[in-house]
Amino acid sequence: MAKQHNYYVYIMTNRSGTLYTGVTNNQESRIIQHRAAGPETLTGRYRIDRLVYYEHHTDIRQAIAREKQIKGWTRRRKIELIASMNPRWRDLSEEWGLPPSEPRASSN
C-alpha cells in the first residue's frame, strides 16, 4: 500500500491584514519558520504570523495548482475564502497547541 502524502495550501496574515499564500508538506514546521523569519523575507518583514486558512491535498501537483490559483485571485476573493472557513480570523495554529505569535521587538 502506497503511503499517503499530505500537502497544505495555506493563507497567513498579520495584524495589518497583509495576506500570504503558500504550500507546504509540514504545516506546523512552516508556521514556526514564518514566525521566526527575519527581515530579509517577506513574512519576516511584514510579521506575517497567523494562520487563517488552510486546505489539505494528497497530490503535490494539485496543491501547487491550487496555490497558484489562489495567488491569482483578488484580495476580496481571498478574504471571502478565509471567511468561509474562519469567519473570526482566528489563528488556526493554536488548535495544534502552538503558542500564539509573540510580538517582536522593532528593528528601528
PDB file of N, CA and C in Angstrom:
ATOM      1  N   MET A   1       0.840  -1.187   0.000  1.00  0.00           N
ATOM      2  CA  MET A   1       0.000   0.000   0.000  1.00  0.00           C
ATOM      3  C   MET A   1       0.881   1.246   0.000  1.00  0.00           C
ATOM      4  N   ALA A   2       0.597   2.171  -0.883  1.00  0.00           N
ATOM      5  CA  ALA A   2       1.387   3.391  -1.006  1.00  0.00           C
ATOM      6  C   ALA A   2       1.098   4.328   0.158  1.00  0.00           C
ATOM      7  N   LYS A   3       2.124   4.996   0.601  1.00  0.00           N
ATOM      8  CA  LYS A   3       1.982   5.974   1.683  1.00  0.00           C
ATOM      9  C   LYS A   3       1.257   7.211   1.153  1.00  0.00           C
ATOM     10  N   GLN A   4       0.307   7.694   1.939  1.00  0.00           N
ATOM     11  CA  GLN A   4      -0.402   8.915   1.556  1.00  0.00           C
ATOM     12  C   GLN A   4       0.450  10.122   1.935  1.00  0.00           C
ATOM     13  N   HIS A   5       0.578  11.027   1.015  1.00  0.00           N
ATOM     14  CA  HIS A   5       1.312  12.256   1.273  1.00  0.00           C
ATOM     15  C   HIS A   5       0.330  13.351   1.633  1.00  0.00           C
ATOM     16  N   ASN A   6       0.783  14.279   2.432  1.00  0.00           N
ATOM     17  CA  ASN A   6      -0.057  15.383   2.871  1.00  0.00           C
ATOM     18  C   ASN A   6       0.587  16.707   2.487  1.00  0.00           C
ATOM     19  N   TYR A   7      -0.183  17.530   1.812  1.00  0.00           N
ATOM     20  CA  TYR A   7       0.259  18.856   1.409  1.00  0.00           C
ATOM     21  C   TYR A   7      -0.839  19.844   1.794  1.00  0.00           C
ATOM     22  N   TYR A   8      -0.439  21.040   2.113  1.00  0.00           N
ATOM     23  CA  TYR A   8      -1.390  22.040   2.578  1.00  0.00           C
ATOM     24  C   TYR A   8      -1.165  23.360   1.846  1.00  0.00           C
ATOM     25  N   VAL A   9      -2.247  23.908   1.360  1.00  0.00           N
ATOM     26  CA  VAL A   9      -2.243  25.262   0.827  1.00  0.00           C
ATOM     27  C   VAL A   9      -2.761  26.113   1.975  1.00  0.00           C
ATOM     28  N   TYR A  10      -2.080  27.195   2.272  1.00  0.00           N
ATOM     29  CA  TYR A  10      -2.448  27.970   3.457  1.00  0.00           C
ATOM     30  C   TYR A  10      -2.380  29.461   3.172  1.00  0.00           C
ATOM     31  N   ILE A  11      -3.111  30.201   3.996  1.00  0.00           N
ATOM     32  CA  ILE A  11      -3.049  31.658   3.964  1.00  0.00           C
ATOM     33  C   ILE A  11      -2.756  32.127   5.374  1.00  0.00           C
ATOM     34  N   MET A  12      -1.769  33.002   5.473  1.00  0.00           N
ATOM     35  CA  MET A  12      -1.415  33.612   6.745  1.00  0.00           C
ATOM     36  C   MET A  12      -1.605  35.117   6.637  1.00  0.00           C
ATOM     37  N   THR A  13      -1.675  35.762   7.787  1.00  0.00           N
ATOM     38  CA  THR A  13      -1.847  37.203   7.819  1.00  0.00           C
ATOM     39  C   THR A  13      -1.096  37.792   9.005  1.00  0.00           C
ATOM     40  N   ASN A  14      -1.166  39.108   9.117  1.00  0.00           N
ATOM     41  CA  ASN A  14      -0.579  39.830  10.241  1.00  0.00           C
ATOM     42  C   ASN A  14      -1.631  40.758  10.819  1.00  0.00           C
ATOM     43  N   ARG A  15      -1.241  41.573  11.759  1.00  0.00           N
ATOM     44  CA  ARG A  15      -2.205  42.493  12.385  1.00  0.00           C
ATOM     45  C   ARG A  15      -2.746  43.524  11.411  1.00  0.00           C
ATOM     46  N   SER A  16      -2.012  43.823  10.369  1.00  0.00           N
ATOM     47  CA  SER A  16      -2.455  44.810   9.375  1.00  0.00           C
ATOM     48  C   SER A  16      -3.324  44.211   8.282  1.00  0.00           C
ATOM     49  N   GLY A  17      -3.432  42.885   8.236  1.00  0.00           N
ATOM     50  CA  GLY A  17      -4.266  42.235   7.231  1.00  0.00           C
ATOM     51  C   GLY A  17      -3.551  41.877   5.941  1.00  0.00           C
ATOM     52  N   THR A  18      -2.219  41.971   5.911  1.00  0.00           N
ATOM     53  CA  THR A  18      -1.467  41.524   4.744  1.00  0.00           C
ATOM     54  C   THR A  18      -1.672  40.022   4.597  1.00  0.00           C
ATOM     55  N   LEU A  19      -1.907  39.545   3.377  1.00  0.00           N
ATOM     56  CA  LEU A  19      -2.148  38.122   3.149  1.00  0.00           C
ATOM     57  C   LEU A  19      -0.958  37.480   2.454  1.00  0.00           C
ATOM     58  N   TYR A  20      -0.634  36.268   2.891  1.00  0.00           N
ATOM     59  CA  TYR A  20       0.448  35.482   2.294  1.00  0.00           C
ATOM     60  C   TYR A  20      -0.088  34.084   2.027  1.00  0.00           C
ATOM     61  N   THR A  21       0.044  33.611   0.808  1.00  0.00           N
ATOM     62  CA  THR A  21      -0.414  32.276   0.422  1.00  0.00           C
ATOM     63  C   THR A  21       0.792  31.402   0.137  1.00  0.00           C
ATOM     64  N   GLY A  22       0.760  30.184   0.640  1.00  0.00           N
ATOM     65  CA  GLY A  22       1.870  29.268   0.419  1.00  0.00           C
ATOM     66  C   GLY A  22       1.409  27.827   0.365  1.00  0.00           C
ATOM     67  N   VAL A  23       2.368  26.927   0.148  1.00  0.00           N
ATOM     68  CA  VAL A  23       2.104  25.491   0.130  1.00  0.00           C
ATOM     69  C   VAL A  23       3.226  24.805   0.902  1.00  0.00           C
ATOM     70  N   THR A  24       2.897  23.742   1.632  1.00  0.00           N
ATOM     71  CA  THR A  24       3.887  23.037   2.438  1.00  0.00           C
ATOM     72  C   THR A  24       3.462  21.590   2.642  1.00  0.00           C
ATOM     73  N   ASN A  25       4.407  20.772   3.043  1.00  0.00           N
ATOM     74  CA  ASN A  25       4.079  19.399   3.424  1.00  0.00           C
ATOM     75  C   ASN A  25       4.158  19.217   4.939  1.00  0.00           C
ATOM     76  N   ASN A  26       4.487  20.287   5.662  1.00  0.00           N
ATOM     77  CA  ASN A  26       4.562  20.217   7.130  1.00  0.00           C
ATOM     78  C   ASN A  26       4.080  21.553   7.693  1.00  0.00           C
ATOM     79  N   GLN A  27       2.801  21.627   7.998  1.00  0.00           N
ATOM     80  CA  GLN A  27       2.221  22.904   8.421  1.00  0.00           C
ATOM     81  C   GLN A  27       2.850  23.465   9.684  1.00  0.00           C
ATOM     82  N   GLU A  28       2.969  22.660  10.717  1.00  0.00           N
ATOM     83  CA  GLU A  28       3.494  23.174  11.986  1.00  0.00           C
ATOM     84  C   GLU A  28       4.884  23.758  11.813  1.00  0.00           C
ATOM     85  N   SER A  29       5.746  23.020  11.153  1.00  0.00           N
ATOM     86  CA  SER A  29       7.105  23.498  10.938  1.00  0.00           C
ATOM     87  C   SER A  29       7.115  24.791  10.122  1.00  0.00           C
ATOM     88  N   ARG A  30       6.272  24.848   9.106  1.00  0.00           N
ATOM     89  CA  ARG A  30       6.253  26.035   8.238  1.00  0.00           C
ATOM     90  C   ARG A  30       5.753  27.262   8.995  1.00  0.00           C
ATOM     91  N   ILE A  31       4.751  27.099   9.839  1.00  0.00           N
ATOM     92  CA  ILE A  31       4.241  28.223  10.628  1.00  0.00           C
ATOM     93  C   ILE A  31       5.340  28.730  11.553  1.00  0.00           C
ATOM     94  N   ILE A  32       6.034  27.819  12.191  1.00  0.00           N
ATOM     95  CA  ILE A  32       7.135  28.204  13.089  1.00  0.00           C
ATOM     96  C   ILE A  32       8.216  28.944  12.302  1.00  0.00           C
ATOM     97  N   GLN A  33       8.536  28.474  11.092  1.00  0.00           N
ATOM     98  CA  GLN A  33       9.528  29.153  10.254  1.00  0.00           C
ATOM     99  C   GLN A  33       9.090  30.573   9.910  1.00  0.00           C
ATOM    100  N   HIS A  34       7.824  30.733   9.542  1.00  0.00           N
ATOM    101  CA  HIS A  34       7.328  32.075   9.217  1.00  0.00           C
ATOM    102  C   HIS A  34       7.431  33.001  10.423  1.00  0.00           C
ATOM    103  N   ARG A  35       7.066  32.504  11.578  1.00  0.00           N
ATOM    104  CA  ARG A  35       7.102  33.332  12.787  1.00  0.00           C
ATOM    105  C   ARG A  35       8.516  33.737  13.176  1.00  0.00           C
ATOM    106  N   ALA A  36       9.481  32.895  12.864  1.00  0.00           N
ATOM    107  CA  ALA A  36      10.874  33.177  13.215  1.00  0.00           C
ATOM    108  C   ALA A  36      11.631  33.902  12.107  1.00  0.00           C
ATOM    109  N   ALA A  37      10.993  34.137  10.976  1.00  0.00           N
ATOM    110  CA  ALA A  37      11.668  34.715   9.809  1.00  0.00           C
ATOM    111  C   ALA A  37      12.206  36.110  10.099  1.00  0.00           C
ATOM    112  N   GLY A  38      13.355  36.381   9.541  1.00  0.00           N
ATOM    113  CA  GLY A  38      13.986  37.691   9.692  1.00  0.00           C
ATOM    114  C   GLY A  38      13.514  38.670   8.634  1.00  0.00           C
ATOM    115  N   PRO A  39      13.991  39.887   8.720  1.00  0.00           N
ATOM    116  CA  PRO A  39      13.541  40.945   7.816  1.00  0.00           C
ATOM    117  C   PRO A  39      13.953  40.754   6.355  1.00  0.00           C
ATOM    118  N   GLU A  40      14.794  39.780   6.072  1.00  0.00           N
ATOM    119  CA  GLU A  40      15.188  39.527   4.685  1.00  0.00           C
ATOM    120  C   GLU A  40      14.112  38.762   3.914  1.00  0.00           C
ATOM    121  N   THR A  41      13.080  38.270   4.616  1.00  0.00           N
ATOM    122  CA  THR A  41      11.986  37.554   3.960  1.00  0.00           C
ATOM    123  C   THR A  41      10.709  38.389   4.025  1.00  0.00           C
ATOM    124  N   LEU A  42       9.796  38.121   3.111  1.00  0.00           N
ATOM    125  CA  LEU A  42       8.527  38.851   3.100  1.00  0.00           C
ATOM    126  C   LEU A  42       7.746  38.609   4.391  1.00  0.00           C
ATOM    127  N   THR A  43       7.680  37.350   4.825  1.00  0.00           N
ATOM    128  CA  THR A  43       6.899  37.063   6.032  1.00  0.00           C
ATOM    129  C   THR A  43       7.544  37.669   7.274  1.00  0.00           C
ATOM    130  N   GLY A  44       8.853  37.746   7.291  1.00  0.00           N
ATOM    131  CA  GLY A  44       9.531  38.390   8.414  1.00  0.00           C
ATOM    132  C   GLY A  44       9.383  39.898   8.381  1.00  0.00           C
ATOM    133  N   ARG A  45       9.560  40.472   7.218  1.00  0.00           N
ATOM    134  CA  ARG A  45       9.465  41.928   7.058  1.00  0.00           C
ATOM    135  C   ARG A  45       8.075  42.442   7.445  1.00  0.00           C
ATOM    136  N   TYR A  46       7.029  41.688   7.075  1.00  0.00           N
ATOM    137  CA  TYR A  46       5.659  42.115   7.364  1.00  0.00           C
ATOM    138  C   TYR A  46       5.064  41.443   8.599  1.00  0.00           C
ATOM    139  N   ARG A  47       5.878  40.644   9.291  1.00  0.00           N
ATOM    140  CA  ARG A  47       5.458  39.958  10.518  1.00  0.00           C
ATOM    141  C   ARG A  47       4.180  39.149  10.308  1.00  0.00           C
ATOM    142  N   ILE A  48       4.182  38.375   9.273  1.00  0.00           N
ATOM    143  CA  ILE A  48       3.044  37.513   8.955  1.00  0.00           C
ATOM    144  C   ILE A  48       3.142  36.286   9.857  1.00  0.00           C
ATOM    145  N   ASP A  49       2.197  36.175  10.790  1.00  0.00           N
ATOM    146  CA  ASP A  49       2.363  35.192  11.854  1.00  0.00           C
ATOM    147  C   ASP A  49       1.101  34.433  12.260  1.00  0.00           C
ATOM    148  N   ARG A  50      -0.024  34.675  11.601  1.00  0.00           N
ATOM    149  CA  ARG A  50      -1.270  33.990  11.979  1.00  0.00           C
ATOM    150  C   ARG A  50      -1.813  33.179  10.814  1.00  0.00           C
ATOM    151  N   LEU A  51      -2.038  31.902  11.064  1.00  0.00           N
ATOM    152  CA  LEU A  51      -2.632  31.018  10.065  1.00  0.00           C
ATOM    153  C   LEU A  51      -4.145  31.207  10.108  1.00  0.00           C
ATOM    154  N   VAL A  52      -4.723  31.660   9.000  1.00  0.00           N
ATOM    155  CA  VAL A  52      -6.168  31.917   8.985  1.00  0.00           C
ATOM    156  C   VAL A  52      -6.938  31.006   8.026  1.00  0.00           C
ATOM    157  N   TYR A  53      -6.231  30.268   7.179  1.00  0.00           N
ATOM    158  CA  TYR A  53      -6.899  29.361   6.244  1.00  0.00           C
ATOM    159  C   TYR A  53      -5.921  28.277   5.813  1.00  0.00           C
ATOM    160  N   TYR A  54      -6.450  27.069   5.638  1.00  0.00           N
ATOM    161  CA  TYR A  54      -5.666  26.010   5.008  1.00  0.00           C
ATOM    162  C   TYR A  54      -6.599  24.971   4.425  1.00  0.00           C
ATOM    163  N   GLU A  55      -6.065  24.239   3.463  1.00  0.00           N
ATOM    164  CA  GLU A  55      -6.778  23.109   2.886  1.00  0.00           C
ATOM    165  C   GLU A  55      -5.780  22.002   2.610  1.00  0.00           C
ATOM    166  N   HIS A  56      -6.257  20.770   2.688  1.00  0.00           N
ATOM    167  CA  HIS A  56      -5.417  19.585   2.563  1.00  0.00           C
ATOM    168  C   HIS A  56      -5.488  19.003   1.157  1.00  0.00           C
ATOM    169  N   HIS A  57      -4.337  18.548   0.675  1.00  0.00           N
ATOM    170  CA  HIS A  57      -4.246  17.846  -0.615  1.00  0.00           C
ATOM    171  C   HIS A  57      -3.322  16.645  -0.439  1.00  0.00           C
ATOM    172  N   THR A  58      -3.516  15.622  -1.254  1.00  0.00           N
ATOM    173  CA  THR A  58      -2.620  14.462  -1.213  1.00  0.00           C
ATOM    174  C   THR A  58      -1.706  14.399  -2.429  1.00  0.00           C
ATOM    175  N   ASP A  59      -1.901  15.285  -3.379  1.00  0.00           N
ATOM    176  CA  ASP A  59      -1.083  15.334  -4.591  1.00  0.00           C
ATOM    177  C   ASP A  59      -0.414  16.705  -4.665  1.00  0.00           C
ATOM    178  N   ILE A  60       0.907  16.717  -4.719  1.00  0.00           N
ATOM    179  CA  ILE A  60       1.646  17.983  -4.722  1.00  0.00           C
ATOM    180  C   ILE A  60       1.297  18.840  -5.930  1.00  0.00           C
ATOM    181  N   ARG A  61       1.050  18.199  -7.062  1.00  0.00           N
ATOM    182  CA  ARG A  61       0.696  18.984  -8.257  1.00  0.00           C
ATOM    183  C   ARG A  61      -0.618  19.721  -8.065  1.00  0.00           C
ATOM    184  N   GLN A  62      -1.589  19.057  -7.450  1.00  0.00           N
ATOM    185  CA  GLN A  62      -2.868  19.711  -7.165  1.00  0.00           C
ATOM    186  C   GLN A  62      -2.687  20.843  -6.159  1.00  0.00           C
ATOM    187  N   ALA A  63      -1.853  20.607  -5.157  1.00  0.00           N
ATOM    188  CA  ALA A  63      -1.621  21.636  -4.143  1.00  0.00           C
ATOM    189  C   ALA A  63      -0.961  22.869  -4.757  1.00  0.00           C
ATOM    190  N   ILE A  64       0.036  22.657  -5.596  1.00  0.00           N
ATOM    191  CA  ILE A  64       0.720  23.785  -6.235  1.00  0.00           C
ATOM    192  C   ILE A  64      -0.222  24.520  -7.181  1.00  0.00           C
ATOM    193  N   ALA A  65      -1.036  23.779  -7.918  1.00  0.00           N
ATOM    194  CA  ALA A  65      -2.003  24.417  -8.821  1.00  0.00           C
ATOM    195  C   ALA A  65      -2.998  25.262  -8.028  1.00  0.00           C
ATOM    196  N   ARG A  66      -3.442  24.745  -6.898  1.00  0.00           N
ATOM    197  CA  ARG A  66      -4.393  25.491  -6.067  1.00  0.00           C
ATOM    198  C   ARG A  66      -3.729  26.734  -5.472  1.00  0.00           C
ATOM    199  N   GLU A  67      -2.491  26.603  -5.029  1.00  0.00           N
ATOM    200  CA  GLU A  67      -1.759  27.766  -4.507  1.00  0.00           C
ATOM    201  C   GLU A  67      -1.680  28.857  -5.578  1.00  0.00           C
ATOM    202  N   LYS A  68      -1.321  28.477  -6.789  1.00  0.00           N
ATOM    203  CA  LYS A  68      -1.229  29.442  -7.889  1.00  0.00           C
ATOM    204  C   LYS A  68      -2.584  30.071  -8.182  1.00  0.00           C
ATOM    205  N   GLN A  69      -3.632  29.253  -8.139  1.00  0.00           N
ATOM    206  CA  GLN A  69      -4.980  29.768  -8.379  1.00  0.00           C
ATOM    207  C   GLN A  69      -5.334  30.838  -7.349  1.00  0.00           C
ATOM    208  N   ILE A  70      -5.131  30.529  -6.083  1.00  0.00           N
ATOM    209  CA  ILE A  70      -5.465  31.478  -5.016  1.00  0.00           C
ATOM    210  C   ILE A  70      -4.607  32.736  -5.124  1.00  0.00           C
ATOM    211  N   LYS A  71      -3.331  32.573  -5.425  1.00  0.00           N
ATOM    212  CA  LYS A  71      -2.452  33.739  -5.572  1.00  0.00           C
ATOM    213  C   LYS A  71      -2.919  34.668  -6.683  1.00  0.00           C
ATOM    214  N   GLY A  72      -3.597  34.127  -7.686  1.00  0.00           N
ATOM    215  CA  GLY A  72      -4.090  34.931  -8.793  1.00  0.00           C
ATOM    216  C   GLY A  72      -5.409  35.639  -8.510  1.00  0.00           C
ATOM    217  N   TRP A  73      -6.013  35.320  -7.401  1.00  0.00           N
ATOM    218  CA  TRP A  73      -7.294  35.922  -7.044  1.00  0.00           C
ATOM    219  C   TRP A  73      -7.122  37.346  -6.531  1.00  0.00           C
ATOM    220  N   THR A  74      -8.220  38.074  -6.531  1.00  0.00           N
ATOM    221  CA  THR A  74      -8.236  39.401  -5.921  1.00  0.00           C
ATOM    222  C   THR A  74      -8.209  39.254  -4.402  1.00  0.00           C
ATOM    223  N   ARG A  75      -7.824  40.296  -3.742  1.00  0.00           N
ATOM    224  CA  ARG A  75      -7.818  40.301  -2.276  1.00  0.00           C
ATOM    225  C   ARG A  75      -9.220  39.980  -1.740  1.00  0.00           C
ATOM    226  N   ARG A  76     -10.224  40.565  -2.350  1.00  0.00           N
ATOM    227  CA  ARG A  76     -11.603  40.348  -1.907  1.00  0.00           C
ATOM    228  C   ARG A  76     -11.968  38.866  -1.952  1.00  0.00           C
ATOM    229  N   ARG A  77     -11.604  38.198  -3.027  1.00  0.00           N
ATOM    230  CA  ARG A  77     -11.936  36.775  -3.158  1.00  0.00           C
ATOM    231  C   ARG A  77     -11.185  35.944  -2.110  1.00  0.00           C
ATOM    232  N   LYS A  78      -9.943  36.299  -1.812  1.00  0.00           N
ATOM    233  CA  LYS A  78      -9.184  35.597  -0.769  1.00  0.00           C
ATOM    234  C   LYS A  78      -9.852  35.785   0.589  1.00  0.00           C
ATOM    235  N   ILE A  79     -10.299  36.997   0.857  1.00  0.00           N
ATOM    236  CA  ILE A  79     -10.976  37.285   2.127  1.00  0.00           C
ATOM    237  C   ILE A  79     -12.254  36.462   2.235  1.00  0.00           C
ATOM    238  N   GLU A  80     -12.988  36.336   1.147  1.00  0.00           N
ATOM    239  CA  GLU A  80     -14.196  35.514   1.149  1.00  0.00           C
ATOM    240  C   GLU A  80     -13.869  34.044   1.418  1.00  0.00           C
ATOM    241  N   LEU A  81     -12.778  33.564   0.851  1.00  0.00           N
ATOM    242  CA  LEU A  81     -12.353  32.184   1.092  1.00  0.00           C
ATOM    243  C   LEU A  81     -12.025  31.983   2.566  1.00  0.00           C
ATOM    244  N   ILE A  82     -11.264  32.885   3.143  1.00  0.00           N
ATOM    245  CA  ILE A  82     -10.919  32.792   4.565  1.00  0.00           C
ATOM    246  C   ILE A  82     -12.182  32.799   5.412  1.00  0.00           C
ATOM    247  N   ALA A  83     -13.084  33.741   5.138  1.00  0.00           N
ATOM    248  CA  ALA A  83     -14.318  33.873   5.922  1.00  0.00           C
ATOM    249  C   ALA A  83     -15.184  32.619   5.831  1.00  0.00           C
ATOM    250  N   SER A  84     -15.117  31.884   4.714  1.00  0.00           N
ATOM    251  CA  SER A  84     -15.929  30.674   4.571  1.00  0.00           C
ATOM    252  C   SER A  84     -15.496  29.584   5.552  1.00  0.00           C
ATOM    253  N   MET A  85     -14.227  29.574   5.933  1.00  0.00           N
ATOM    254  CA  MET A  85     -13.718  28.564   6.855  1.00  0.00           C
ATOM    255  C   MET A  85     -13.499  29.138   8.250  1.00  0.00           C
ATOM    256  N   ASN A  86     -13.168  30.407   8.328  1.00  0.00           N
ATOM    257  CA  ASN A  86     -12.714  31.009   9.571  1.00  0.00           C
ATOM    258  C   ASN A  86     -13.260  32.441   9.678  1.00  0.00           C
ATOM    259  N   PRO A  87     -14.569  32.595   9.905  1.00  0.00           N
ATOM    260  CA  PRO A  87     -15.167  33.933   9.888  1.00  0.00           C
ATOM    261  C   PRO A  87     -14.603  34.897  10.926  1.00  0.00           C
ATOM    262  N   ARG A  88     -14.043  34.387  12.000  1.00  0.00           N
ATOM    263  CA  ARG A  88     -13.485  35.265  13.037  1.00  0.00           C
ATOM    264  C   ARG A  88     -11.980  35.499  12.862  1.00  0.00           C
ATOM    265  N   TRP A  89     -11.406  34.917  11.831  1.00  0.00           N
ATOM    266  CA  TRP A  89      -9.979  35.056  11.529  1.00  0.00           C
ATOM    267  C   TRP A  89      -9.109  34.644  12.728  1.00  0.00           C
ATOM    268  N   ARG A  90      -9.512  33.563  13.386  1.00  0.00           N
ATOM    269  CA  ARG A  90      -8.713  33.037  14.496  1.00  0.00           C
ATOM    270  C   ARG A  90      -7.395  32.482  13.952  1.00  0.00           C
ATOM    271  N   ASP A  91      -6.397  32.406  14.804  1.00  0.00           N
ATOM    272  CA  ASP A  91      -5.136  31.764  14.433  1.00  0.00           C
ATOM    273  C   ASP A  91      -5.355  30.259  14.563  1.00  0.00           C
ATOM    274  N   LEU A  92      -5.518  29.592  13.440  1.00  0.00           N
ATOM    275  CA  LEU A  92      -5.846  28.170  13.432  1.00  0.00           C
ATOM    276  C   LEU A  92      -4.719  27.301  13.977  1.00  0.00           C
ATOM    277  N   SER A  93      -3.504  27.802  13.988  1.00  0.00           N
ATOM    278  CA  SER A  93      -2.389  27.005  14.509  1.00  0.00           C
ATOM    279  C   SER A  93      -2.481  26.826  16.020  1.00  0.00           C
ATOM    280  N   GLU A  94      -3.232  27.655  16.701  1.00  0.00           N
ATOM    281  CA  GLU A  94      -3.391  27.495  18.146  1.00  0.00           C
ATOM    282  C   GLU A  94      -4.107  26.192  18.481  1.00  0.00           C
ATOM    283  N   GLU A  95      -4.933  25.685  17.548  1.00  0.00           N
ATOM    284  CA  GLU A  95      -5.629  24.416  17.760  1.00  0.00           C
ATOM    285  C   GLU A  95      -4.659  23.243  17.849  1.00  0.00           C
ATOM    286  N   TRP A  96      -3.472  23.405  17.319  1.00  0.00           N
ATOM    287  CA  TRP A  96      -2.469  22.326  17.337  1.00  0.00           C
ATOM    288  C   TRP A  96      -1.590  22.402  18.570  1.00  0.00           C
ATOM    289  N   GLY A  97      -1.848  23.370  19.426  1.00  0.00           N
ATOM    290  CA  GLY A  97      -1.038  23.526  20.623  1.00  0.00           C
ATOM    291  C   GLY A  97       0.159  24.440  20.427  1.00  0.00           C
ATOM    292  N   LEU A  98       0.270  25.056  19.249  1.00  0.00           N
ATOM    293  CA  LEU A  98       1.346  26.024  19.050  1.00  0.00           C
ATOM    294  C   LEU A  98       1.009  27.279  19.842  1.00  0.00           C
ATOM    295  N   PRO A  99       1.985  27.881  20.465  1.00  0.00           N
ATOM    296  CA  PRO A  99       1.700  29.118  21.206  1.00  0.00           C
ATOM    297  C   PRO A  99       1.355  30.240  20.237  1.00  0.00           C
ATOM    298  N   PRO A 100       0.555  31.200  20.698  1.00  0.00           N
ATOM    299  CA  PRO A 100       0.261  32.345  19.834  1.00  0.00           C
ATOM    300  C   PRO A 100       1.544  33.079  19.499  1.00  0.00           C
ATOM    301  N   SER A 101       1.525  33.757  18.411  1.00  0.00           N
ATOM    302  CA  SER A 101       2.690  34.522  17.999  1.00  0.00           C
ATOM    303  C   SER A 101       3.003  35.594  19.028  1.00  0.00           C
ATOM    304  N   GLU A 102       4.278  35.767  19.303  1.00  0.00           N
ATOM    305  CA  GLU A 102       4.690  36.793  20.253  1.00  0.00           C
ATOM    306  C   GLU A 102       5.080  38.057  19.538  1.00  0.00           C
ATOM    307  N   PRO A 103       4.771  39.204  20.116  1.00  0.00           N
ATOM    308  CA  PRO A 103       5.196  40.457  19.485  1.00  0.00           C
ATOM    309  C   PRO A 103       6.719  40.488  19.360  1.00  0.00           C
ATOM    310  N   ARG A 104       7.207  40.998  18.239  1.00  0.00           N
ATOM    311  CA  ARG A 104       8.651  41.082  18.010  1.00  0.00           C
ATOM    312  C   ARG A 104       9.131  42.480  18.317  1.00  0.00           C
ATOM    313  N   ALA A 105      10.349  42.557  18.763  1.00  0.00           N
ATOM    314  CA  ALA A 105      10.944  43.868  19.004  1.00  0.00           C
ATOM    315  C   ALA A 105      11.130  44.586  17.666  1.00  0.00           C
ATOM    316  N   SER A 106      10.920  45.850  17.671  1.00  0.00           N
ATOM    317  CA  SER A 106      11.098  46.640  16.456  1.00  0.00           C
ATOM    318  C   SER A 106      12.578  46.710  16.110  1.00  0.00           C
ATOM    319  N   SER A 107      12.859  46.694  14.815  1.00  0.00           N
ATOM    320  CA  SER A 107      14.262  46.764  14.379  1.00  0.00           C
ATOM    321  C   SER A 107      14.719  48.204  14.241  1.00  0.00           C
ATOM    322  N   ASN A 108      13.864  49.157  14.533  1.00  0.00           N
ATOM    323  CA  ASN A 108      14.238  50.580  14.422  1.00  0.00           C
ATOM    324  C   ASN A 108      14.851  51.072  15.689  1.00  0.00           C
TER     325      ASN A 108
END
